[in-house]
Amino acid sequence: MLSYMGISESGRDIFLNLDTDNAFTLVEQAGESIGKVLSSSKVTGSIEIKTRYGLAGVKLRISIIPHESGNGTKVQIGGRGGDIWGAGASKGADKLLAAIEKLS
């Protein structure tokens, strides 16, 4: 089954050389620095962040996943913006990645 992201959505995957708990904390702090953390759960490894790109609101949904090898953590970032071009979602993910890099 194929799935397609809508035109106002964006997705990214990154790898952090941190254990899952530290990666979760880092991403949560990065989210707080760029907007508002709407929800977070260490149990499910999920974080939802609301930020802005220009006048448009952007929601980011992040999944924190232990790497199969047991070393490091995979971070999946999904964004959804109010524009039809997907720029808001992409730029929201860029903001989060820049905040993660700045904090690490």
C-alpha atoms as a PDB file:
ATOM      1  CA  MET A   1       0.000   0.000   0.000  1.00  0.00           C
ATOM      2  CA  LEU A   2       1.389   3.395  -0.952  1.00  0.00           C
ATOM      3  CA  SER A   3       0.823   6.476   1.128  1.00  0.00           C
ATOM      4  CA  TYR A   4       1.317  10.011  -0.061  1.00  0.00           C
ATOM      5  CA  MET A   5       1.808  13.105   2.002  1.00  0.00           C
ATOM      6  CA  GLY A   6      -0.508  15.998   1.239  1.00  0.00           C
ATOM      7  CA  ILE A   7       0.860  19.052  -0.497  1.00  0.00           C
ATOM      8  CA  SER A   8       0.997  21.002   2.761  1.00  0.00           C
ATOM      9  CA  GLU A   9       3.029  18.337   4.589  1.00  0.00           C
ATOM     10  CA  SER A  10       6.723  17.611   4.987  1.00  0.00           C
ATOM     11  CA  GLY A  11       8.692  14.812   6.617  1.00  0.00           C
ATOM     12  CA  ARG A  12      12.274  14.257   7.732  1.00  0.00           C
ATOM     13  CA  ASP A  13      14.224  11.556   9.528  1.00  0.00           C
ATOM     14  CA  ILE A  14      17.416  12.212  11.481  1.00  0.00           C
ATOM     15  CA  PHE A  15      19.705  10.106  13.653  1.00  0.00           C
ATOM     16  CA  LEU A  16      20.919  11.291  17.061  1.00  0.00           C
ATOM     17  CA  ASN A  17      23.854   9.598  18.744  1.00  0.00           C
ATOM     18  CA  LEU A  18      22.005   9.694  22.093  1.00  0.00           C
ATOM     19  CA  ASP A  19      19.972   7.192  24.062  1.00  0.00           C
ATOM     20  CA  THR A  20      16.206   7.485  23.650  1.00  0.00           C
ATOM     21  CA  ASP A  21      15.583   9.360  26.939  1.00  0.00           C
ATOM     22  CA  ASN A  22      18.224  12.009  26.226  1.00  0.00           C
ATOM     23  CA  ALA A  23      17.065  12.366  22.617  1.00  0.00           C
ATOM     24  CA  PHE A  24      13.477  12.850  23.809  1.00  0.00           C
ATOM     25  CA  THR A  25      14.545  15.551  26.275  1.00  0.00           C
ATOM     26  CA  LEU A  26      16.671  17.319  23.642  1.00  0.00           C
ATOM     27  CA  VAL A  27      13.882  17.371  21.050  1.00  0.00           C
ATOM     28  CA  GLU A  28      11.337  18.525  23.648  1.00  0.00           C
ATOM     29  CA  GLN A  29      13.628  21.403  24.713  1.00  0.00           C
ATOM     30  CA  ALA A  30      14.210  22.322  21.065  1.00  0.00           C
ATOM     31  CA  GLY A  31      10.439  22.373  20.540  1.00  0.00           C
ATOM     32  CA  GLU A  32       9.959  24.691  23.507  1.00  0.00           C
ATOM     33  CA  SER A  33      12.564  27.047  22.051  1.00  0.00           C
ATOM     34  CA  ILE A  34      10.747  27.425  18.695  1.00  0.00           C
ATOM     35  CA  GLY A  35       7.110  27.327  19.801  1.00  0.00           C
ATOM     36  CA  LYS A  36       4.737  25.510  22.102  1.00  0.00           C
ATOM     37  CA  VAL A  37       4.854  21.827  23.013  1.00  0.00           C
ATOM     38  CA  LEU A  38       1.213  20.748  22.716  1.00  0.00           C
ATOM     39  CA  SER A  39       1.752  17.201  23.953  1.00  0.00           C
ATOM     40  CA  SER A  40       4.570  14.827  24.759  1.00  0.00           C
ATOM     41  CA  SER A  41       4.755  11.249  25.959  1.00  0.00           C
ATOM     42  CA  LYS A  42       7.912   9.326  26.747  1.00  0.00           C
ATOM     43  CA  VAL A  43       5.797   6.159  26.861  1.00  0.00           C
ATOM     44  CA  THR A  44       4.799   6.457  23.187  1.00  0.00           C
ATOM     45  CA  GLY A  45       7.907   8.420  22.168  1.00  0.00           C
ATOM     46  CA  SER A  46       5.837  11.196  20.629  1.00  0.00           C
ATOM     47  CA  ILE A  47       5.940  14.981  20.765  1.00  0.00           C
ATOM     48  CA  GLU A  48       3.600  17.481  19.114  1.00  0.00           C
ATOM     49  CA  ILE A  49       4.809  21.056  18.648  1.00  0.00           C
ATOM     50  CA  LYS A  50       3.095  24.154  17.298  1.00  0.00           C
ATOM     51  CA  THR A  51       5.314  26.801  15.724  1.00  0.00           C
ATOM     52  CA  ARG A  52       4.970  29.517  13.079  1.00  0.00           C
ATOM     53  CA  TYR A  53       6.325  30.188   9.632  1.00  0.00           C
ATOM     54  CA  GLY A  54       5.511  33.776   8.791  1.00  0.00           C
ATOM     55  CA  LEU A  55       1.821  34.176   9.549  1.00  0.00           C
ATOM     56  CA  ALA A  56       1.036  30.487   9.079  1.00  0.00           C
ATOM     57  CA  GLY A  57       0.783  28.041  11.952  1.00  0.00           C
ATOM     58  CA  VAL A  58       2.758  24.809  11.624  1.00  0.00           C
ATOM     59  CA  LYS A  59       2.241  21.602  13.600  1.00  0.00           C
ATOM     60  CA  LEU A  60       5.146  19.219  13.963  1.00  0.00           C
ATOM     61  CA  ARG A  61       4.671  15.623  15.047  1.00  0.00           C
ATOM     62  CA  ILE A  62       7.832  13.891  16.191  1.00  0.00           C
ATOM     63  CA  SER A  63       8.436  10.220  16.873  1.00  0.00           C
ATOM     64  CA  ILE A  64      11.444   9.170  18.944  1.00  0.00           C
ATOM     65  CA  ILE A  65      12.445   5.620  17.989  1.00  0.00           C
ATOM     66  CA  PRO A  66      15.323   3.545  19.413  1.00  0.00           C
ATOM     67  CA  HIS A  67      17.706   2.510  16.630  1.00  0.00           C
ATOM     68  CA  GLU A  68      17.603  -1.192  15.750  1.00  0.00           C
ATOM     69  CA  SER A  69      21.258  -1.636  16.705  1.00  0.00           C
ATOM     70  CA  GLY A  70      20.608  -0.268  20.186  1.00  0.00           C
ATOM     71  CA  ASN A  71      23.022   2.621  19.579  1.00  0.00           C
ATOM     72  CA  GLY A  72      21.439   6.018  19.076  1.00  0.00           C
ATOM     73  CA  THR A  73      17.937   7.166  18.280  1.00  0.00           C
ATOM     74  CA  LYS A  74      15.971   7.794  15.102  1.00  0.00           C
ATOM     75  CA  VAL A  75      13.867  10.961  15.112  1.00  0.00           C
ATOM     76  CA  GLN A  76      11.019  11.199  12.602  1.00  0.00           C
ATOM     77  CA  ILE A  77       9.673  14.715  12.052  1.00  0.00           C
ATOM     78  CA  GLY A  78       6.382  15.247  10.279  1.00  0.00           C
ATOM     79  CA  GLY A  79       5.093  18.741   9.627  1.00  0.00           C
ATOM     80  CA  ARG A  80       1.782  20.149   8.486  1.00  0.00           C
ATOM     81  CA  GLY A  81       1.290  23.784   7.555  1.00  0.00           C
ATOM     82  CA  GLY A  82      -1.506  26.019   6.414  1.00  0.00           C
ATOM     83  CA  ASP A  83      -0.041  26.830   3.003  1.00  0.00           C
ATOM     84  CA  ILE A  84      -0.684  24.759  -0.103  1.00  0.00           C
ATOM     85  CA  TRP A  85       2.985  24.664  -1.149  1.00  0.00           C
ATOM     86  CA  GLY A  86       4.265  22.883   1.942  1.00  0.00           C
ATOM     87  CA  ALA A  87       6.810  25.631   2.667  1.00  0.00           C
ATOM     88  CA  GLY A  88       5.515  26.181   6.197  1.00  0.00           C
ATOM     89  CA  ALA A  89       5.803  22.505   7.093  1.00  0.00           C
ATOM     90  CA  SER A  90       9.300  22.302   5.624  1.00  0.00           C
ATOM     91  CA  LYS A  91      10.488  25.507   7.306  1.00  0.00           C
ATOM     92  CA  GLY A  92       8.974  24.410  10.623  1.00  0.00           C
ATOM     93  CA  ALA A  93      11.023  21.203  10.445  1.00  0.00           C
ATOM     94  CA  ASP A  94      14.083  23.292   9.537  1.00  0.00           C
ATOM     95  CA  LYS A  95      13.534  25.452  12.638  1.00  0.00           C
ATOM     96  CA  LEU A  96      13.329  22.370  14.844  1.00  0.00           C
ATOM     97  CA  LEU A  97      16.480  20.850  13.327  1.00  0.00           C
ATOM     98  CA  ALA A  98      18.388  24.116  13.835  1.00  0.00           C
ATOM     99  CA  ALA A  99      17.232  24.256  17.478  1.00  0.00           C
ATOM    100  CA  ILE A 100      18.294  20.630  18.035  1.00  0.00           C
ATOM    101  CA  GLU A 101      21.725  21.373  16.593  1.00  0.00           C
ATOM    102  CA  LYS A 102      22.070  24.518  18.695  1.00  0.00           C
ATOM    103  CA  LEU A 103      21.202  22.657  21.918  1.00  0.00           C
ATOM    104  CA  SER A 104      23.380  19.606  21.286  1.00  0.00           C
END
